[in-house]
Amino acid sequence: MQKRQLGLSGLQVSAIGLGCMAMSEFYGARDETEAIATIHRAIELGVDLIDTADIYGLGRNEELVGRAIRRRRDRVVLSSKFGHVRGPDGRFLGVNGRPGYAKAACEASLRRLKVETIDLYYLHRVDPDTPIEDTVGAMAELVWQGKVRYLGLSEAGPKSIRRAHSVYPIAALQTEYSLLSREAEDEIFRSVRTFGIGFVAYSPLGRGLLTGKLKDLAKLGPDDWRPQASRFQEPHFQKNLKLVAALEDIAARRGLTPAQVALAFVLAQHPHIVVLPGMERREDLEENVAALDVALSKDDLAELDRAFPVGAAFGLRYPEAHMPTLNR
C-alpha cells in the first residue's frame, strides 16, 4: 500500500482512505454487515485511514466504526470530526466551535468509538461566532491529555488555516476536491503548502458522478440527500453527465474505470494529497484501491485539465443553505 505523509506533521497514512459516512446515512439504503466487511477488507488491503464524524448517523457511524476496528485498532489511523450540530430529529442546527463543546464532543466520540485516542481530530466547520484560536486551543489541550494525536480542519479558508496553525500545528485540511470541484487549487493549496499541512480530498468522485455509474436520479432512494444539491437537479444533472462523458472516454482508452482515472488525477496533483472516497461496499473498495496503480501521463493530465477546468461543474456542491459554512 502506498503511504503518504500529511504535510510536515510526520503522520503517514495510506494514499487512499476509507470514508465511512454513507455506511450510516445520506446515501440511501444501508447494510451494516457489508459496511463492516468493507472496513475489514480495507484494513487487509493496507488502507489504514478510516474516517468518520460525530454527526454521521447521529453518532451511529462512530459506533459502527468502533465495532469494526475493535480487534484491529493498531492497524488503523482513526479520524473523526466535531463542530456540526444536529438535533435529535437530524436537523442541522449550526456550527459550534466553543472550547467546552470541543472537549465534550471529543469525550462523546471516544465513548462511541470505544477507543482511548483519536488519531486525527478535525474541526468539521469553522464556527463564525468563536475565534478559531479558542477552538484550536481547546483541541490542543486534548492532544496534551492524550485523547487526540493530531489536529485537522475541514473546509477552512486561508485566513482560518493561518490563524489555527499559529496556535497549534495543523496536520491536515480535509476539503472537497475532485475533477468537478477544483476551487481549492488556488488559495487553499497555496495555504496548506505554505504551512506544511497535508490535504485530504473528500468526495474525490463527485458524490458518485465521476464513477460513470450514476445516470438516473430516479434510482436514488428517498433517503439520498444528493437531489437537494443543485448539481444533481435538472438541467444541471444532464449537463454534468456530458462532462463525465469525457472522463469515460479517457478511461475506456486506458482500460480503466472512470473512478480510477478520477482518483489518479487527484493523487497526481501533489505528493501530500490523500484521497478519501466514500465506500460502503467491498466491490467499490477493490475498484478504487486499484487506482493507486494508475500512472496518468502528462497528456492524460492535460486532457483531463481541459475537459474539467475550474468551475466547469454545473450547480452547487451542497444545498444553498449549507454553502456559507464552507471556506471560512
Protein backbone atom coordinates (compact mmCIF):
# COMPACT_ATOMS: atom_id res chain seq x y z
CA MET A 1 0.00 0.00 0.00
CA GLN A 2 1.32 3.43 -0.94
CA LYS A 3 1.86 5.71 2.03
CA ARG A 4 1.82 9.48 2.05
CA GLN A 5 2.85 11.88 4.77
CA LEU A 6 0.35 14.54 5.75
CA GLY A 7 2.45 17.63 5.21
CA LEU A 8 5.22 18.12 7.76
CA SER A 9 3.26 16.50 10.59
CA GLY A 10 5.08 13.18 10.45
CA LEU A 11 1.76 11.34 10.26
CA GLN A 12 1.88 8.78 7.45
CA VAL A 13 -1.32 7.25 6.09
CA SER A 14 -2.39 5.17 3.13
CA ALA A 15 -2.68 7.24 -0.05
CA ILE A 16 -6.35 6.28 -0.16
CA GLY A 17 -8.54 6.40 2.91
CA LEU A 18 -11.97 4.99 3.66
CA GLY A 19 -14.78 7.50 4.11
CA CYS A 20 -17.46 5.83 6.22
CA MET A 21 -20.28 8.40 6.17
CA ALA A 22 -22.52 6.60 3.68
CA MET A 23 -22.42 3.45 5.79
CA SER A 24 -24.87 5.10 8.19
CA GLU A 25 -26.71 7.91 6.41
CA PHE A 26 -27.19 10.29 3.48
CA TYR A 27 -26.84 7.90 0.51
CA GLY A 28 -29.92 5.72 0.68
CA ALA A 29 -30.13 2.07 1.71
CA ARG A 30 -27.57 0.80 4.22
CA ASP A 31 -26.18 -2.62 5.09
CA GLU A 32 -24.13 -2.65 8.29
CA THR A 33 -22.92 -6.20 7.73
CA GLU A 34 -21.46 -5.25 4.36
CA ALA A 35 -20.14 -1.99 5.80
CA ILE A 36 -18.15 -3.78 8.50
CA ALA A 37 -16.91 -6.31 5.95
CA THR A 38 -15.74 -3.39 3.80
CA ILE A 39 -13.82 -1.83 6.70
CA HIS A 40 -12.19 -5.20 7.43
CA ARG A 41 -11.26 -5.69 3.76
CA ALA A 42 -9.85 -2.16 3.58
CA ILE A 43 -7.55 -2.90 6.51
CA GLU A 44 -6.48 -6.17 4.86
CA LEU A 45 -5.52 -4.20 1.74
CA GLY A 46 -3.47 -1.75 3.79
CA VAL A 47 -5.96 1.11 3.83
CA ASP A 48 -5.36 2.48 7.30
CA LEU A 49 -7.03 5.93 7.24
CA ILE A 50 -10.58 5.31 8.47
CA ASP A 51 -12.70 8.47 8.57
CA THR A 52 -15.94 9.19 10.41
CA ALA A 53 -17.63 12.09 12.26
CA ASP A 54 -19.93 12.55 15.21
CA ILE A 55 -22.86 13.72 13.06
CA TYR A 56 -22.84 10.78 10.63
CA GLY A 57 -25.96 8.85 11.52
CA LEU A 58 -26.23 10.94 14.70
CA GLY A 59 -23.32 9.04 16.22
CA ARG A 60 -24.21 5.63 14.80
CA ASN A 61 -21.36 5.76 12.31
CA GLU A 62 -18.76 6.18 15.04
CA GLU A 63 -20.32 3.23 16.85
CA LEU A 64 -20.16 1.13 13.68
CA VAL A 65 -16.54 2.06 13.02
CA GLY A 66 -15.69 1.33 16.64
CA ARG A 67 -17.13 -2.16 16.36
CA ALA A 68 -15.33 -2.80 13.08
CA ILE A 69 -11.86 -1.82 14.30
CA ARG A 70 -12.11 -3.25 17.81
CA ARG A 71 -9.57 -6.03 17.22
CA ARG A 72 -7.67 -4.05 14.58
CA ARG A 73 -7.06 -0.75 16.36
CA ASP A 74 -3.29 -0.92 15.97
CA ARG A 75 -3.65 -1.13 12.16
CA VAL A 76 -5.84 1.97 11.83
CA VAL A 77 -5.29 5.73 11.69
CA LEU A 78 -8.66 6.77 13.05
CA SER A 79 -10.05 10.20 12.19
CA SER A 80 -13.25 11.85 13.35
CA LYS A 81 -14.74 15.33 13.38
CA PHE A 82 -16.82 17.64 15.54
CA GLY A 83 -18.43 21.05 15.17
CA HIS A 84 -21.59 20.40 13.18
CA VAL A 85 -24.60 20.26 15.47
CA ARG A 86 -27.78 18.34 14.73
CA GLY A 87 -30.99 17.93 16.66
CA PRO A 88 -32.49 14.57 17.70
CA ASP A 89 -34.58 14.64 14.52
CA GLY A 90 -31.47 15.05 12.37
CA ARG A 91 -31.94 18.72 11.51
CA PHE A 92 -28.74 20.74 11.20
CA LEU A 93 -28.70 23.36 13.92
CA GLY A 94 -25.47 25.16 13.10
CA VAL A 95 -21.79 25.05 13.94
CA ASN A 96 -20.27 25.01 17.42
CA GLY A 97 -16.57 25.53 17.96
CA ARG A 98 -16.68 26.71 21.56
CA PRO A 99 -13.89 25.25 23.70
CA GLY A 100 -16.23 23.49 26.12
CA TYR A 101 -18.15 21.91 23.26
CA ALA A 102 -14.93 20.73 21.59
CA LYS A 103 -13.92 18.85 24.73
CA ALA A 104 -17.38 17.39 25.35
CA ALA A 105 -17.71 16.31 21.72
CA CYS A 106 -14.36 14.53 21.88
CA GLU A 107 -15.35 12.66 25.04
CA ALA A 108 -18.60 11.57 23.40
CA SER A 109 -16.78 10.36 20.27
CA LEU A 110 -14.28 8.39 22.34
CA ARG A 111 -17.17 6.64 24.09
CA ARG A 112 -18.94 5.77 20.85
CA LEU A 113 -15.74 4.61 19.16
CA LYS A 114 -14.66 2.74 22.31
CA VAL A 115 -11.07 3.93 21.95
CA GLU A 116 -8.73 5.88 24.19
CA THR A 117 -7.33 8.13 21.46
CA ILE A 118 -8.47 9.57 18.14
CA ASP A 119 -5.51 9.80 15.80
CA LEU A 120 -6.69 12.76 13.72
CA TYR A 121 -9.38 15.05 15.11
CA TYR A 122 -10.94 17.63 12.81
CA LEU A 123 -12.97 20.76 13.35
CA HIS A 124 -15.73 19.89 10.86
CA ARG A 125 -16.63 23.51 10.06
CA VAL A 126 -15.30 26.83 11.34
CA ASP A 127 -17.61 28.49 13.85
CA PRO A 128 -18.11 32.15 12.84
CA ASP A 129 -19.05 33.08 16.40
CA THR A 130 -15.99 31.59 18.12
CA PRO A 131 -12.41 32.70 17.43
CA ILE A 132 -10.70 29.76 15.81
CA GLU A 133 -7.75 30.33 18.14
CA ASP A 134 -10.03 29.41 21.05
CA THR A 135 -11.31 26.29 19.31
CA VAL A 136 -7.85 25.05 18.35
CA GLY A 137 -6.54 25.89 21.81
CA ALA A 138 -9.12 23.52 23.29
CA MET A 139 -8.26 20.88 20.69
CA ALA A 140 -4.58 21.24 21.59
CA GLU A 141 -5.46 20.50 25.21
CA LEU A 142 -6.96 17.23 24.01
CA VAL A 143 -3.59 16.39 22.44
CA TRP A 144 -1.76 17.15 25.67
CA GLN A 145 -4.23 14.94 27.55
CA GLY A 146 -3.55 12.03 25.18
CA LYS A 147 -7.10 11.94 23.81
CA VAL A 148 -6.08 13.11 20.34
CA ARG A 149 -2.80 12.72 18.43
CA TYR A 150 -3.08 15.20 15.53
CA LEU A 151 -5.37 18.09 14.66
CA GLY A 152 -7.17 18.85 11.42
CA LEU A 153 -9.57 21.34 9.87
CA SER A 154 -12.35 20.70 7.38
CA GLU A 155 -13.47 23.23 4.75
CA ALA A 156 -11.49 26.06 6.33
CA GLY A 157 -10.39 29.10 4.34
CA PRO A 158 -6.85 30.52 4.12
CA LYS A 159 -7.24 33.02 6.96
CA SER A 160 -8.68 30.40 9.29
CA ILE A 161 -5.89 27.98 8.36
CA ARG A 162 -3.24 30.56 9.17
CA ARG A 163 -4.83 31.56 12.48
CA ALA A 164 -5.39 27.95 13.54
CA HIS A 165 -1.87 26.89 12.63
CA SER A 166 -0.43 29.75 14.70
CA VAL A 167 -1.94 28.16 17.82
CA TYR A 168 -1.06 24.51 17.22
CA PRO A 169 0.32 22.67 14.15
CA ILE A 170 -2.47 21.53 11.84
CA ALA A 171 -1.68 18.15 10.31
CA ALA A 172 -4.40 18.01 7.65
CA LEU A 173 -7.03 20.02 5.88
CA GLN A 174 -9.99 17.98 4.65
CA THR A 175 -11.81 19.69 1.79
CA GLU A 176 -13.87 18.56 -1.17
CA TYR A 177 -11.68 18.19 -4.23
CA SER A 178 -12.29 16.37 -7.50
CA LEU A 179 -12.38 16.95 -11.23
CA LEU A 180 -15.76 18.59 -10.62
CA SER A 181 -14.66 20.64 -7.60
CA ARG A 182 -11.25 22.17 -8.25
CA GLU A 183 -11.69 25.51 -6.47
CA ALA A 184 -9.16 24.54 -3.79
CA GLU A 185 -6.31 24.62 -6.31
CA ASP A 186 -5.71 28.35 -5.83
CA GLU A 187 -5.55 29.85 -2.35
CA ILE A 188 -6.30 26.67 -0.39
CA PHE A 189 -3.48 24.66 -1.98
CA ARG A 190 -1.13 27.60 -1.54
CA SER A 191 -2.01 27.85 2.15
CA VAL A 192 -1.51 24.18 3.00
CA ARG A 193 1.79 24.08 1.15
CA THR A 194 2.99 27.25 2.89
CA PHE A 195 2.33 25.78 6.33
CA GLY A 196 3.27 22.18 5.56
CA ILE A 197 -0.25 20.82 6.02
CA GLY A 198 -1.48 17.63 4.37
CA PHE A 199 -4.54 17.77 2.12
CA VAL A 200 -7.25 15.11 2.40
CA ALA A 201 -9.57 15.25 -0.60
CA TYR A 202 -13.07 14.13 0.32
CA SER A 203 -15.71 13.35 -2.32
CA PRO A 204 -12.97 12.84 -4.95
CA LEU A 205 -15.57 11.03 -7.08
CA GLY A 206 -18.02 13.92 -7.09
CA ARG A 207 -20.52 12.04 -4.88
CA GLY A 208 -20.81 9.33 -7.48
CA LEU A 209 -20.97 11.49 -10.60
CA LEU A 210 -17.41 10.66 -11.61
CA THR A 211 -17.89 6.92 -11.36
CA GLY A 212 -19.94 6.80 -14.56
CA LYS A 213 -22.46 4.62 -12.72
CA LEU A 214 -24.95 7.32 -11.76
CA LYS A 215 -27.12 8.05 -14.79
CA ASP A 216 -30.67 8.15 -13.48
CA LEU A 217 -31.69 10.21 -10.44
CA ALA A 218 -34.91 8.21 -10.19
CA LYS A 219 -32.83 5.28 -8.93
CA LEU A 220 -31.72 7.20 -5.85
CA GLY A 221 -33.62 6.23 -2.75
CA PRO A 222 -35.84 8.60 -0.75
CA ASP A 223 -33.16 8.87 1.95
CA ASP A 224 -30.48 10.00 -0.50
CA TRP A 225 -29.62 13.66 0.11
CA ARG A 226 -27.92 14.38 -3.24
CA PRO A 227 -31.01 15.71 -5.07
CA GLN A 228 -31.05 18.55 -2.54
CA ALA A 229 -27.91 19.96 -4.17
CA SER A 230 -28.39 21.78 -7.47
CA ARG A 231 -25.56 19.80 -9.07
CA PHE A 232 -27.96 16.83 -9.03
CA GLN A 233 -31.00 18.78 -10.18
CA GLU A 234 -32.11 19.33 -13.74
CA PRO A 235 -30.97 20.78 -16.04
CA HIS A 236 -27.61 20.76 -14.21
CA PHE A 237 -27.50 16.99 -13.79
CA GLN A 238 -27.66 16.25 -17.53
CA LYS A 239 -25.03 18.91 -18.24
CA ASN A 240 -22.73 17.35 -15.67
CA LEU A 241 -23.24 13.92 -17.22
CA LYS A 242 -21.98 15.37 -20.51
CA LEU A 243 -18.82 16.48 -18.70
CA VAL A 244 -18.39 12.99 -17.27
CA ALA A 245 -18.62 11.52 -20.77
CA ALA A 246 -15.16 12.94 -21.49
CA LEU A 247 -13.81 11.11 -18.43
CA GLU A 248 -15.46 7.89 -19.59
CA ASP A 249 -13.76 8.22 -22.99
CA ILE A 250 -10.32 8.65 -21.41
CA ALA A 251 -10.90 5.72 -19.05
CA ALA A 252 -12.07 3.45 -21.86
CA ARG A 253 -8.94 4.19 -23.90
CA ARG A 254 -6.77 3.26 -20.90
CA GLY A 255 -8.75 0.15 -19.98
CA LEU A 256 -9.67 1.72 -16.65
CA THR A 257 -12.86 2.75 -14.91
CA PRO A 258 -13.86 6.42 -14.69
CA ALA A 259 -13.47 6.28 -10.91
CA GLN A 260 -9.90 5.05 -11.19
CA VAL A 261 -8.95 7.85 -13.56
CA ALA A 262 -10.68 10.46 -11.40
CA LEU A 263 -8.82 9.29 -8.29
CA ALA A 264 -5.50 9.08 -10.12
CA PHE A 265 -5.93 12.69 -11.27
CA VAL A 266 -6.35 13.93 -7.70
CA LEU A 267 -3.41 11.88 -6.41
CA ALA A 268 -1.18 13.29 -9.16
CA GLN A 269 -1.68 16.89 -8.06
CA HIS A 270 0.73 16.80 -5.09
CA PRO A 271 2.64 14.17 -3.08
CA HIS A 272 0.91 15.25 0.17
CA ILE A 273 -2.64 14.73 -1.16
CA VAL A 274 -4.61 11.76 0.14
CA VAL A 275 -7.95 10.75 -1.41
CA LEU A 276 -10.92 9.87 0.77
CA PRO A 277 -13.72 8.34 -1.29
CA GLY A 278 -16.82 7.12 0.49
CA MET A 279 -17.07 3.36 0.07
CA GLU A 280 -19.68 1.21 1.72
CA ARG A 281 -19.23 -1.93 -0.43
CA ARG A 282 -16.23 -4.17 -0.97
CA GLU A 283 -16.77 -4.06 -4.72
CA ASP A 284 -16.25 -0.28 -4.80
CA LEU A 285 -13.31 -0.55 -2.41
CA GLU A 286 -11.45 -3.01 -4.63
CA GLU A 287 -12.04 -0.86 -7.72
CA ASN A 288 -10.88 2.33 -6.06
CA VAL A 289 -7.80 0.90 -4.38
CA ALA A 290 -6.65 -0.24 -7.83
CA ALA A 291 -6.41 3.44 -8.78
CA LEU A 292 -3.16 3.59 -6.80
CA ASP A 293 -1.51 1.59 -9.57
CA VAL A 294 -2.61 4.06 -12.26
CA ALA A 295 0.07 6.40 -13.59
CA LEU A 296 -1.51 9.06 -15.79
CA SER A 297 0.73 10.54 -18.46
CA LYS A 298 1.27 14.27 -18.92
CA ASP A 299 -1.01 14.05 -21.95
CA ASP A 300 -3.70 12.33 -19.86
CA LEU A 301 -3.49 15.00 -17.17
CA ALA A 302 -3.59 17.79 -19.73
CA GLU A 303 -6.65 16.27 -21.41
CA LEU A 304 -8.44 15.99 -18.09
CA ASP A 305 -7.46 19.55 -17.22
CA ARG A 306 -9.03 20.78 -20.46
CA ALA A 307 -12.16 18.69 -20.01
CA PHE A 308 -12.69 19.77 -16.38
CA PRO A 309 -11.45 23.33 -15.92
CA VAL A 310 -12.01 25.05 -12.59
CA GLY A 311 -15.69 25.93 -12.33
CA ALA A 312 -16.79 23.52 -15.07
CA ALA A 313 -19.43 21.76 -12.96
CA PHE A 314 -23.00 22.97 -13.17
CA GLY A 315 -24.71 23.73 -9.87
CA LEU A 316 -23.56 23.98 -6.26
CA ARG A 317 -21.88 21.08 -4.47
CA TYR A 318 -24.10 21.49 -1.37
CA PRO A 319 -27.64 22.76 -0.83
CA GLU A 320 -27.56 26.56 -0.92
CA ALA A 321 -28.24 26.88 2.81
CA HIS A 322 -25.05 24.95 3.61
CA MET A 323 -22.71 26.87 1.32
CA PRO A 324 -21.94 29.71 3.79
CA THR A 325 -20.29 27.19 6.16
CA LEU A 326 -17.52 26.44 3.61
CA ASN A 327 -14.07 28.05 3.43
CA ARG A 328 -14.50 30.42 6.33
